[in-house]
């Protein structure tokens, strides 16, 4: 597990780098294009290939591919694994290539529909340009999933970094120096997307080639390929339900008023950081482990690694949720209180953040629990639970939106994710009795105790800043209280002797600066 912890740390670090580069990319794009219709047309056009990417590649395909690939690795070794990868990549190329051709045929005829604003025609033209990204990122997802199964996590984690760097390069370089019109700059940005997609595919593929993979076009319908196709079908519906759920929440917020839609978007962006950096990193590393145990029928070992993954998620995301709630005001004001954003806007966003973070640990647990079902090739149960989650979200939203507005939408989504967590947990325990979470009760109690200690330090630090006259400084509050809270939380966990401490120590001991601390005799 110490090796897994190291992999999680690497993925988390690379995700932080990626999120920072995405912030630079978005800031640069807005600085060049502003918030006018041209950049809006680009972001609208980019929705469609991204939607299909989530439906076909990074969602259902990866979920179905990883456990089947584990079986092939166990039965046929690397040679069988690489043959299966070639078959899956060939079918992905055919399917996504067909979608690219269909999109080009449909959206290139947009001007046959008369009477629309120019921005709609430009958006349709950009769909034609951007849609090949779907084929590139689908092949990239297959290569990255294979590397994860083979225990290589760095190259897949670098994937979004290549996209961000390519888009930054075309924005700050070619777009500004070679384009003579704003539309030309947008076209260079599209070129950056395609170049980034190529790098996302080529880098992991090159690593696999060095490991012995010889790519070939093979449309043979082997039993493994058929199994992946059958497993993908419910997964596509599950992802579609999630996307519809997400879209309906946005439409409901927009129906309240324009600021509500903005508030919901910005708060979600803040929520995505701990989810993307920590929860997804844990799930990415743990999923191949539990899939490998499932292939062997070793459900006791599967349960052990699953519980360790859940423990890591709780250790990280429970204090992250509490910290975001405690410091919601300074964090929101520091990041968003600029330009046309008023103090009242920042206050309302902070209030929404306080409520939304309640669901953060639950969302993270759901992420790994769903993958536990995928590991045993059960893609139907998560879909049924997702449908219940969707109905709860809609029902509670409609019941509360009249009186609470966007606050009711946030309460509805939080209620739905809590219900989804418990429903999935119960269903998983019924399916696999070994997969219960009762052994985690002592760890959870220690996490709560350490989080309470952290909260006390943060609250005390806030009062101290007020006493020295820095209470109104958002930068001082974030810069001082976040590190203080992290140190207090870490120290409390150490004193409470959190389970898994030895594994964490073994990872930290490999860091040269910390090695002597954990092994004084060195």
Protein backbone atom coordinates (compact mmCIF):
# COMPACT_ATOMS: atom_id res chain seq x y z
CA UNK A 1 0.00 0.00 0.00
CA UNK A 2 2.99 2.34 0.55
CA UNK A 3 3.64 2.17 -3.20
CA UNK A 4 0.00 3.11 -3.79
CA UNK A 5 0.30 6.05 -1.40
CA UNK A 6 3.33 7.26 -3.35
CA UNK A 7 1.36 6.97 -6.61
CA UNK A 8 -1.55 8.89 -5.07
CA UNK A 9 0.86 11.63 -4.01
CA UNK A 10 2.32 11.88 -7.52
CA UNK A 11 -1.13 12.03 -9.14
CA UNK A 12 -2.30 14.65 -6.63
CA UNK A 13 0.76 16.82 -7.30
CA UNK A 14 0.34 16.58 -11.07
CA UNK A 15 -3.37 17.38 -10.70
CA UNK A 16 -2.47 20.53 -8.75
CA UNK A 17 -0.11 21.52 -11.58
CA UNK A 18 -2.85 20.83 -14.13
CA UNK A 19 -5.44 22.88 -12.23
CA UNK A 20 -3.00 25.78 -11.96
CA UNK A 21 -2.27 25.65 -15.70
CA UNK A 22 -6.02 25.52 -16.41
CA UNK A 23 -6.42 28.71 -14.37
CA UNK A 24 -3.63 30.37 -16.39
CA UNK A 25 -5.25 29.15 -19.63
CA UNK A 26 -8.70 30.49 -18.72
CA UNK A 27 -7.31 33.80 -17.47
CA UNK A 28 -5.32 34.26 -20.67
CA UNK A 29 -8.32 33.41 -22.85
CA UNK A 30 -10.56 35.88 -21.06
CA UNK A 31 -7.85 38.55 -21.24
CA UNK A 32 -7.63 38.09 -25.03
CA UNK A 33 -11.28 37.52 -25.93
CA UNK A 34 -13.17 39.03 -22.99
CA UNK A 35 -16.63 37.70 -22.27
CA UNK A 36 -17.95 38.41 -25.75
CA UNK A 37 -19.86 36.09 -28.03
CA UNK A 38 -16.80 34.76 -29.89
CA UNK A 39 -15.23 33.07 -26.87
CA UNK A 40 -18.71 32.01 -25.75
CA UNK A 41 -19.12 30.31 -29.14
CA UNK A 42 -15.86 28.41 -28.58
CA UNK A 43 -16.84 27.22 -25.08
CA UNK A 44 -20.27 26.20 -26.36
CA UNK A 45 -18.77 24.26 -29.28
CA UNK A 46 -16.33 22.49 -26.97
CA UNK A 47 -19.21 21.12 -24.87
CA UNK A 48 -20.23 18.55 -27.48
CA UNK A 49 -16.94 16.62 -27.92
CA UNK A 50 -16.45 16.78 -24.15
CA UNK A 51 -19.92 15.33 -23.58
CA UNK A 52 -19.21 12.37 -25.87
CA UNK A 53 -15.79 11.99 -24.26
CA UNK A 54 -17.44 11.50 -20.87
CA UNK A 55 -20.04 9.14 -22.30
CA UNK A 56 -17.72 6.95 -24.36
CA UNK A 57 -14.13 7.28 -23.22
CA UNK A 58 -13.33 8.38 -19.70
CA UNK A 59 -16.60 7.13 -18.22
CA UNK A 60 -18.16 3.89 -19.36
CA UNK A 61 -15.26 2.65 -21.50
CA UNK A 62 -12.67 2.98 -18.75
CA UNK A 63 -15.02 1.44 -16.19
CA UNK A 64 -15.63 -1.59 -18.44
CA UNK A 65 -12.08 -1.81 -19.80
CA UNK A 66 -10.06 -1.91 -16.55
CA UNK A 67 -11.55 -5.06 -14.92
CA UNK A 68 -11.60 -6.90 -18.27
CA UNK A 69 -8.01 -5.87 -18.89
CA UNK A 70 -7.07 -7.14 -15.43
CA UNK A 71 -8.57 -10.51 -16.32
CA UNK A 72 -6.61 -10.60 -19.59
CA UNK A 73 -3.39 -9.62 -17.79
CA UNK A 74 -3.96 -12.42 -15.28
CA UNK A 75 -4.78 -15.00 -17.97
CA UNK A 76 -2.63 -14.01 -20.96
CA UNK A 77 0.09 -11.78 -19.56
CA UNK A 78 1.25 -8.58 -21.21
CA UNK A 79 0.99 -9.99 -24.73
CA UNK A 80 -2.72 -10.72 -24.25
CA UNK A 81 -3.18 -7.31 -22.62
CA UNK A 82 -1.63 -5.53 -25.58
CA UNK A 83 -3.70 -7.55 -28.08
CA UNK A 84 -6.89 -6.55 -26.24
CA UNK A 85 -5.75 -2.91 -26.21
CA UNK A 86 -5.29 -3.02 -30.00
CA UNK A 87 -8.79 -4.42 -30.49
CA UNK A 88 -10.41 -1.85 -28.19
CA UNK A 89 -8.41 1.03 -29.72
CA UNK A 90 -9.43 -0.10 -33.23
CA UNK A 91 -13.12 -0.14 -32.33
CA UNK A 92 -12.81 3.22 -30.57
CA UNK A 93 -11.21 4.67 -33.69
CA UNK A 94 -14.04 3.35 -35.87
CA UNK A 95 -16.86 4.53 -33.57
CA UNK A 96 -15.42 7.95 -32.74
CA UNK A 97 -14.28 8.44 -36.36
CA UNK A 98 -17.87 7.81 -37.45
CA UNK A 99 -19.12 10.36 -34.93
CA UNK A 100 -16.58 12.92 -36.17
CA UNK A 101 -17.75 12.45 -39.78
CA UNK A 102 -21.41 12.66 -38.74
CA UNK A 103 -20.81 15.84 -36.73
CA UNK A 104 -18.98 17.43 -39.65
CA UNK A 105 -21.79 16.51 -42.05
CA UNK A 106 -24.49 17.93 -39.76
CA UNK A 107 -22.92 21.08 -38.31
CA UNK A 108 -21.28 22.21 -41.55
CA UNK A 109 -24.81 22.78 -42.92
CA UNK A 110 -25.87 25.12 -40.09
CA UNK A 111 -26.27 28.12 -42.42
CA UNK A 112 -29.13 26.35 -44.19
CA UNK A 113 -31.13 27.32 -41.09
CA UNK A 114 -31.77 31.00 -41.66
CA UNK A 115 -32.54 33.72 -39.16
CA UNK A 116 -30.04 32.85 -36.40
CA UNK A 117 -27.45 35.13 -34.82
CA UNK A 118 -23.92 34.87 -36.20
CA UNK A 119 -22.63 33.38 -32.94
CA UNK A 120 -24.69 30.22 -33.52
CA UNK A 121 -23.23 29.70 -36.99
CA UNK A 122 -19.69 30.25 -35.70
CA UNK A 123 -20.31 27.80 -32.85
CA UNK A 124 -21.49 25.19 -35.36
CA UNK A 125 -18.38 25.78 -37.49
CA UNK A 126 -16.17 25.36 -34.42
CA UNK A 127 -17.90 22.05 -33.56
CA UNK A 128 -16.68 20.72 -36.91
CA UNK A 129 -13.13 21.85 -36.10
CA UNK A 130 -13.09 20.58 -32.51
CA UNK A 131 -14.88 17.25 -32.86
CA UNK A 132 -11.76 15.25 -33.89
CA UNK A 133 -10.61 15.83 -30.30
CA UNK A 134 -13.12 13.12 -29.35
CA UNK A 135 -11.21 10.45 -31.29
CA UNK A 136 -7.85 11.55 -29.87
CA UNK A 137 -8.99 11.65 -26.23
CA UNK A 138 -10.81 8.31 -26.56
CA UNK A 139 -7.62 6.58 -27.71
CA UNK A 140 -5.75 8.42 -24.96
CA UNK A 141 -8.21 7.06 -22.38
CA UNK A 142 -7.65 3.48 -23.56
CA UNK A 143 -3.86 3.86 -23.39
CA UNK A 144 -4.01 5.55 -19.97
CA UNK A 145 -6.29 2.83 -18.57
CA UNK A 146 -3.82 0.19 -19.76
CA UNK A 147 -0.91 1.99 -18.11
CA UNK A 148 -2.87 2.22 -14.84
CA UNK A 149 -3.52 -1.53 -14.92
CA UNK A 150 0.21 -2.11 -15.49
CA UNK A 151 1.02 0.09 -12.50
CA UNK A 152 2.16 3.23 -14.38
CA UNK A 153 0.33 6.35 -13.16
CA UNK A 154 2.57 9.31 -14.03
CA UNK A 155 1.96 9.42 -17.79
CA UNK A 156 -1.88 9.26 -17.49
CA UNK A 157 -1.78 11.95 -14.81
CA UNK A 158 0.21 14.18 -17.18
CA UNK A 159 -2.59 14.03 -19.77
CA UNK A 160 -4.49 17.23 -18.89
CA UNK A 161 -1.19 19.09 -18.51
CA UNK A 162 -0.39 18.51 -22.20
CA UNK A 163 -3.78 19.93 -23.20
CA UNK A 164 -3.38 23.03 -21.02
CA UNK A 165 0.18 23.68 -22.22
CA UNK A 166 -0.82 23.33 -25.87
CA UNK A 167 -3.74 25.73 -25.47
CA UNK A 168 -1.58 28.25 -23.57
CA UNK A 169 1.07 28.04 -26.29
CA UNK A 170 -1.39 28.68 -29.12
CA UNK A 171 -3.06 31.49 -27.20
CA UNK A 172 0.07 33.33 -26.05
CA UNK A 173 2.20 32.41 -29.05
CA UNK A 174 0.77 31.68 -32.46
CA UNK A 175 -2.68 33.13 -31.82
CA UNK A 176 -1.34 36.57 -30.86
CA UNK A 177 1.48 36.73 -33.42
CA UNK A 178 0.09 35.04 -36.53
CA UNK A 179 -3.66 35.66 -36.35
CA UNK A 180 -4.91 38.91 -37.87
CA UNK A 181 -8.52 38.70 -36.63
CA UNK A 182 -10.23 37.57 -33.42
CA UNK A 183 -11.74 34.64 -35.33
CA UNK A 184 -8.23 33.68 -36.41
CA UNK A 185 -7.15 33.66 -32.77
CA UNK A 186 -10.06 31.36 -31.96
CA UNK A 187 -8.95 29.03 -34.74
CA UNK A 188 -5.45 28.93 -33.26
CA UNK A 189 -7.04 28.07 -29.90
CA UNK A 190 -8.87 25.19 -31.59
CA UNK A 191 -5.53 24.08 -33.04
CA UNK A 192 -4.21 24.06 -29.47
CA UNK A 193 -7.02 21.75 -28.41
CA UNK A 194 -6.24 19.32 -31.23
CA UNK A 195 -2.48 19.49 -30.58
CA UNK A 196 -3.11 18.88 -26.88
CA UNK A 197 -5.37 15.94 -27.70
CA UNK A 198 -2.65 14.45 -29.90
CA UNK A 199 -0.12 14.74 -27.05
CA UNK A 200 -2.63 13.21 -24.62
CA UNK A 201 -2.81 10.20 -26.93
CA UNK A 202 0.80 10.02 -28.14
CA UNK A 203 2.64 10.21 -24.81
CA UNK A 204 1.00 7.19 -23.10
CA UNK A 205 0.99 5.30 -26.43
CA UNK A 206 4.75 5.86 -26.76
CA UNK A 207 5.30 4.51 -23.24
CA UNK A 208 3.28 1.40 -24.10
CA UNK A 209 5.31 0.92 -27.30
CA UNK A 210 8.49 1.00 -25.23
CA UNK A 211 6.92 -1.64 -22.99
CA UNK A 212 6.32 -3.94 -25.96
CA UNK A 213 2.97 -2.91 -27.47
CA UNK A 214 2.83 -3.08 -31.25
CA UNK A 215 -0.26 -1.14 -32.36
CA UNK A 216 -2.34 -2.80 -35.03
CA UNK A 217 -5.78 -2.35 -36.56
CA UNK A 218 -7.82 -5.32 -35.36
CA UNK A 219 -11.65 -5.39 -35.39
CA UNK A 220 -11.87 -8.98 -34.20
CA UNK A 221 -14.86 -9.50 -31.92
CA UNK A 222 -13.21 -11.57 -29.23
CA UNK A 223 -15.18 -12.56 -26.09
CA UNK A 224 -13.35 -9.86 -24.13
CA UNK A 225 -14.35 -7.16 -26.63
CA UNK A 226 -17.98 -8.30 -26.53
CA UNK A 227 -17.87 -8.26 -22.73
CA UNK A 228 -16.53 -4.70 -22.70
CA UNK A 229 -19.30 -3.59 -25.08
CA UNK A 230 -21.97 -5.21 -22.88
CA UNK A 231 -20.52 -3.65 -19.73
CA UNK A 232 -20.32 -0.22 -21.36
CA UNK A 233 -24.02 -0.03 -22.22
CA UNK A 234 -25.36 0.52 -18.68
CA UNK A 235 -22.39 2.77 -17.97
CA UNK A 236 -23.33 5.08 -20.83
CA UNK A 237 -26.84 5.41 -19.38
CA UNK A 238 -25.39 6.08 -15.93
CA UNK A 239 -23.11 8.81 -17.25
CA UNK A 240 -26.01 10.27 -19.26
CA UNK A 241 -28.14 10.42 -16.11
CA UNK A 242 -25.35 12.27 -14.31
CA UNK A 243 -24.93 14.75 -17.17
CA UNK A 244 -28.71 15.35 -17.33
CA UNK A 245 -28.77 15.80 -13.55
CA UNK A 246 -25.95 18.32 -13.79
CA UNK A 247 -27.60 20.18 -16.68
CA UNK A 248 -31.01 20.36 -14.99
CA UNK A 249 -29.44 21.92 -11.88
CA UNK A 250 -27.82 24.56 -14.10
CA UNK A 251 -31.08 25.28 -15.91
CA UNK A 252 -32.96 25.58 -12.62
CA UNK A 253 -30.35 28.01 -11.32
CA UNK A 254 -30.58 30.04 -14.52
CA UNK A 255 -34.37 30.11 -14.16
CA UNK A 256 -34.00 31.79 -10.77
CA UNK A 257 -31.82 34.67 -12.04
CA UNK A 258 -28.52 35.25 -13.82
CA UNK A 259 -26.41 35.68 -10.63
CA UNK A 260 -27.68 32.35 -9.26
CA UNK A 261 -26.26 30.51 -12.26
CA UNK A 262 -22.93 32.28 -11.78
CA UNK A 263 -22.88 31.51 -8.05
CA UNK A 264 -23.52 27.82 -8.67
CA UNK A 265 -20.77 27.63 -11.30
CA UNK A 266 -18.11 29.37 -9.22
CA UNK A 267 -18.85 27.37 -6.07
CA UNK A 268 -18.69 24.14 -8.06
CA UNK A 269 -15.26 25.14 -9.36
CA UNK A 270 -14.02 25.47 -5.78
CA UNK A 271 -15.53 22.09 -4.89
CA UNK A 272 -13.83 20.41 -7.85
CA UNK A 273 -10.36 21.17 -6.52
CA UNK A 274 -10.26 18.76 -3.54
CA UNK A 275 -12.30 16.21 -5.51
CA UNK A 276 -9.97 16.32 -8.50
CA UNK A 277 -6.72 16.53 -6.54
CA UNK A 278 -7.41 13.92 -3.87
CA UNK A 279 -10.52 11.78 -4.38
CA UNK A 280 -9.93 11.09 -8.06
CA UNK A 281 -6.24 10.38 -7.38
CA UNK A 282 -7.15 7.80 -4.73
CA UNK A 283 -9.78 6.19 -6.97
CA UNK A 284 -7.39 6.08 -9.95
CA UNK A 285 -4.77 4.15 -7.96
CA UNK A 286 -7.09 1.93 -5.91
CA UNK A 287 -9.39 0.90 -8.79
CA UNK A 288 -6.83 -1.32 -10.58
CA UNK A 289 -5.94 -2.91 -7.21
CA UNK A 290 -9.48 -3.90 -6.32
CA UNK A 291 -10.17 -4.97 -9.93
CA UNK A 292 -7.15 -7.29 -9.75
CA UNK A 293 -8.46 -8.84 -6.50
CA UNK A 294 -11.91 -9.23 -8.05
CA UNK A 295 -10.44 -11.13 -11.00
CA UNK A 296 -8.81 -13.60 -8.59
CA UNK A 297 -11.98 -13.89 -6.47
CA UNK A 298 -10.02 -12.63 -3.42
CA UNK A 299 -12.78 -10.46 -1.98
CA UNK A 300 -11.14 -10.23 1.44
CA UNK A 301 -8.09 -8.54 -0.10
CA UNK A 302 -10.40 -6.45 -2.27
CA UNK A 303 -12.25 -5.29 0.83
CA UNK A 304 -8.96 -4.42 2.54
CA UNK A 305 -7.75 -2.19 -0.28
CA UNK A 306 -11.22 -0.68 -0.72
CA UNK A 307 -11.36 0.21 2.99
CA UNK A 308 -7.87 1.73 2.83
CA UNK A 309 -8.98 3.84 -0.13
CA UNK A 310 -12.10 5.04 1.70
CA UNK A 311 -9.99 5.82 4.78
CA UNK A 312 -7.63 7.97 2.70
CA UNK A 313 -10.57 9.76 1.12
CA UNK A 314 -12.08 10.53 4.54
CA UNK A 315 -8.72 11.57 6.00
CA UNK A 316 -8.34 14.13 3.23
CA UNK A 317 -11.85 15.29 2.34
CA UNK A 318 -13.51 15.59 5.77
CA UNK A 319 -11.02 18.29 6.90
CA UNK A 320 -11.06 19.78 3.39
CA UNK A 321 -14.84 20.22 3.67
CA UNK A 322 -14.55 21.69 7.16
CA UNK A 323 -11.75 24.03 6.09
CA UNK A 324 -13.68 25.28 3.06
CA UNK A 325 -16.69 25.95 5.27
CA UNK A 326 -14.71 27.73 8.00
CA UNK A 327 -12.75 29.88 5.54
CA UNK A 328 -15.44 30.21 2.88
CA UNK A 329 -15.66 33.98 3.31
CA UNK A 330 -11.94 34.82 2.94
CA UNK A 331 -11.42 32.23 0.19
CA UNK A 332 -14.33 33.46 -1.94
CA UNK A 333 -13.44 37.12 -1.41
CA UNK A 334 -9.76 36.52 -2.24
CA UNK A 335 -10.51 34.65 -5.49
CA UNK A 336 -13.69 36.31 -6.78
CA UNK A 337 -14.16 39.74 -5.17
CA UNK A 338 -12.83 41.67 -8.16
CA UNK A 339 -14.28 43.71 -10.99
CA UNK A 340 -18.07 43.52 -11.10
CA UNK A 341 -18.39 41.07 -8.17
CA UNK A 342 -19.83 42.86 -5.16
CA UNK A 343 -19.45 42.12 -1.47
CA UNK A 344 -23.04 40.85 -1.46
CA UNK A 345 -22.22 38.46 -4.31
CA UNK A 346 -19.21 37.13 -2.40
CA UNK A 347 -21.30 36.69 0.74
CA UNK A 348 -23.92 34.66 -1.13
CA UNK A 349 -21.28 32.48 -2.79
CA UNK A 350 -19.65 31.83 0.58
CA UNK A 351 -23.02 30.79 2.03
CA UNK A 352 -23.59 28.37 -0.84
CA UNK A 353 -20.10 26.96 -0.40
CA UNK A 354 -20.74 26.31 3.31
CA UNK A 355 -23.73 24.15 2.42
CA UNK A 356 -22.29 22.48 -0.66
CA UNK A 357 -19.13 21.25 1.11
CA UNK A 358 -21.27 19.02 3.31
CA UNK A 359 -21.57 16.73 0.31
CA UNK A 360 -17.83 16.74 -0.47
CA UNK A 361 -16.84 13.61 1.52
CA UNK A 362 -19.96 11.77 0.31
CA UNK A 363 -19.24 12.59 -3.34
CA UNK A 364 -15.68 11.33 -2.93
CA UNK A 365 -16.83 8.06 -1.31
CA UNK A 366 -19.37 7.53 -4.12
CA UNK A 367 -16.58 7.93 -6.68
CA UNK A 368 -14.69 4.91 -5.30
CA UNK A 369 -17.80 2.87 -4.40
CA UNK A 370 -19.04 3.01 -7.99
CA UNK A 371 -15.67 1.69 -9.14
CA UNK A 372 -15.98 -1.20 -6.69
CA UNK A 373 -19.14 -2.24 -8.56
CA UNK A 374 -17.30 -1.87 -11.86
CA UNK A 375 -14.48 -4.06 -10.51
CA UNK A 376 -16.95 -6.98 -10.20
CA UNK A 377 -18.49 -6.02 -13.57
CA UNK A 378 -21.75 -4.80 -12.08
CA UNK A 379 -22.54 -1.65 -14.06
CA UNK A 380 -26.31 -1.85 -13.58
CA UNK A 381 -26.57 -1.17 -9.84
CA UNK A 382 -24.80 2.23 -10.05
CA UNK A 383 -27.19 3.22 -12.86
CA UNK A 384 -30.27 2.33 -10.77
CA UNK A 385 -28.91 4.27 -7.80
CA UNK A 386 -27.99 7.22 -10.05
CA UNK A 387 -31.59 7.31 -11.29
CA UNK A 388 -32.85 7.47 -7.68
CA UNK A 389 -30.29 10.23 -7.01
CA UNK A 390 -31.61 12.15 -10.03
CA UNK A 391 -35.24 11.86 -8.87
CA UNK A 392 -34.34 12.98 -5.32
CA UNK A 393 -32.41 15.96 -6.67
CA UNK A 394 -35.26 17.09 -8.93
CA UNK A 395 -37.98 16.55 -6.31
CA UNK A 396 -36.16 18.41 -3.53
CA UNK A 397 -35.08 21.20 -5.91
CA UNK A 398 -38.64 21.81 -7.09
CA UNK A 399 -39.89 21.70 -3.50
CA UNK A 400 -37.35 24.23 -2.16
CA UNK A 401 -36.54 26.52 -5.08
CA UNK A 402 -39.72 28.57 -4.63
CA UNK A 403 -38.73 29.66 -1.10
CA UNK A 404 -34.94 29.35 -1.06
CA UNK A 405 -33.92 29.96 -4.67
CA UNK A 406 -30.45 28.68 -5.57
CA UNK A 407 -29.91 27.73 -1.92
CA UNK A 408 -32.65 25.13 -2.37
CA UNK A 409 -30.84 23.69 -5.42
CA UNK A 410 -27.65 23.26 -3.36
CA UNK A 411 -29.58 21.65 -0.51
CA UNK A 412 -31.20 19.29 -3.01
CA UNK A 413 -27.89 18.19 -4.56
CA UNK A 414 -26.40 17.67 -1.09
CA UNK A 415 -29.39 15.59 0.01
CA UNK A 416 -29.18 13.51 -3.16
CA UNK A 417 -25.46 12.72 -2.82
CA UNK A 418 -25.87 11.70 0.83
CA UNK A 419 -28.72 9.36 -0.16
CA UNK A 420 -26.66 7.98 -3.06
CA UNK A 421 -23.75 7.20 -0.72
CA UNK A 422 -25.86 5.15 1.66
CA UNK A 423 -27.80 3.38 -1.11
CA UNK A 424 -24.60 2.38 -2.90
CA UNK A 425 -23.00 1.25 0.36
CA UNK A 426 -25.94 -0.97 1.25
CA UNK A 427 -26.13 -2.43 -2.25
CA UNK A 428 -22.39 -3.16 -2.26
CA UNK A 429 -22.56 -4.90 1.11
CA UNK A 430 -25.49 -7.02 -0.08
CA UNK A 431 -23.55 -7.95 -3.21
CA UNK A 432 -20.26 -8.59 -1.38
CA UNK A 433 -20.66 -9.03 2.40
CA UNK A 434 -16.90 -8.54 2.87
CA UNK A 435 -17.18 -4.96 1.56
CA UNK A 436 -18.69 -3.45 4.69
CA UNK A 437 -17.25 -0.28 6.24
CA UNK A 438 -17.71 -1.10 9.94
CA UNK A 439 -13.93 -1.53 10.47
CA UNK A 440 -13.48 2.12 9.50
CA UNK A 441 -15.49 3.41 12.49
CA UNK A 442 -12.39 3.98 14.72
CA UNK A 443 -10.60 5.79 11.87
CA UNK A 444 -13.65 7.95 11.19
CA UNK A 445 -13.88 8.90 14.87
CA UNK A 446 -10.22 9.95 14.86
CA UNK A 447 -10.72 11.98 11.68
CA UNK A 448 -13.66 13.79 13.30
CA UNK A 449 -11.61 14.45 16.44
CA UNK A 450 -8.66 15.79 14.46
CA UNK A 451 -10.99 17.93 12.33
CA UNK A 452 -12.46 19.42 15.53
CA UNK A 453 -8.92 20.26 16.69
CA UNK A 454 -8.23 21.89 13.34
CA UNK A 455 -11.45 23.90 13.58
CA UNK A 456 -10.46 25.16 17.03
CA UNK A 457 -7.06 26.30 15.75
CA UNK A 458 -8.59 28.05 12.73
CA UNK A 459 -11.22 29.79 14.86
CA UNK A 460 -8.58 30.86 17.38
CA UNK A 461 -6.32 32.07 14.59
CA UNK A 462 -9.14 34.13 13.11
CA UNK A 463 -9.66 35.84 16.47
CA UNK A 464 -5.91 36.48 16.73
CA UNK A 465 -5.87 38.11 13.29
CA UNK A 466 -8.76 40.31 14.38
CA UNK A 467 -6.84 41.32 17.50
CA UNK A 468 -3.76 42.43 15.53
CA UNK A 469 -5.83 44.26 12.94
CA UNK A 470 -5.49 41.75 10.08
CA UNK A 471 -8.99 40.32 10.34
CA UNK A 472 -10.16 42.14 7.22
CA UNK A 473 -7.27 40.86 5.09
CA UNK A 474 -8.43 37.90 3.04
CA UNK A 475 -4.88 37.07 1.94
CA UNK A 476 -3.61 37.07 5.54
CA UNK A 477 -6.48 34.85 6.64
CA UNK A 478 -5.93 32.29 3.87
CA UNK A 479 -2.11 32.38 4.01
CA UNK A 480 -1.98 32.04 7.80
CA UNK A 481 -4.97 29.92 8.73
CA UNK A 482 -4.77 27.25 5.99
CA UNK A 483 -1.21 26.11 6.93
CA UNK A 484 -2.04 26.39 10.64
CA UNK A 485 -5.14 24.22 10.18
CA UNK A 486 -3.23 21.61 8.15
CA UNK A 487 -0.47 21.37 10.78
CA UNK A 488 -2.98 21.10 13.62
CA UNK A 489 -4.94 18.41 11.79
CA UNK A 490 -1.85 16.39 10.90
CA UNK A 491 -0.49 16.58 14.44
CA UNK A 492 -3.85 15.52 15.91
CA UNK A 493 -4.01 12.49 13.56
CA UNK A 494 -0.49 11.50 14.58
CA UNK A 495 -1.29 11.80 18.29
CA UNK A 496 -4.47 9.77 17.80
CA UNK A 497 -2.43 7.15 15.89
CA UNK A 498 -4.66 7.01 12.85
CA UNK A 499 -4.79 3.60 11.17
CA UNK A 500 -2.42 3.39 8.21
CA UNK A 501 0.08 5.72 9.91
CA UNK A 502 2.99 3.34 9.36
CA UNK A 503 2.32 3.23 5.63
CA UNK A 504 2.27 7.02 5.44
CA UNK A 505 5.51 7.17 7.45
CA UNK A 506 7.21 4.74 5.06
CA UNK A 507 6.33 7.01 2.13
CA UNK A 508 7.46 10.21 3.88
CA UNK A 509 10.70 8.52 4.98
CA UNK A 510 11.71 8.25 1.31
CA UNK A 511 11.74 12.04 1.03
CA UNK A 512 15.39 13.07 1.65
CA UNK A 513 14.52 16.06 3.83
CA UNK A 514 12.17 14.00 6.02
CA UNK A 515 14.07 10.73 6.09
CA UNK A 516 16.10 11.58 9.21
CA UNK A 517 12.98 12.67 11.06
CA UNK A 518 11.32 9.28 10.62
CA UNK A 519 14.56 7.30 10.96
CA UNK A 520 16.80 9.31 13.33
CA UNK A 521 19.57 6.72 13.09
CA UNK A 522 20.20 7.36 9.40
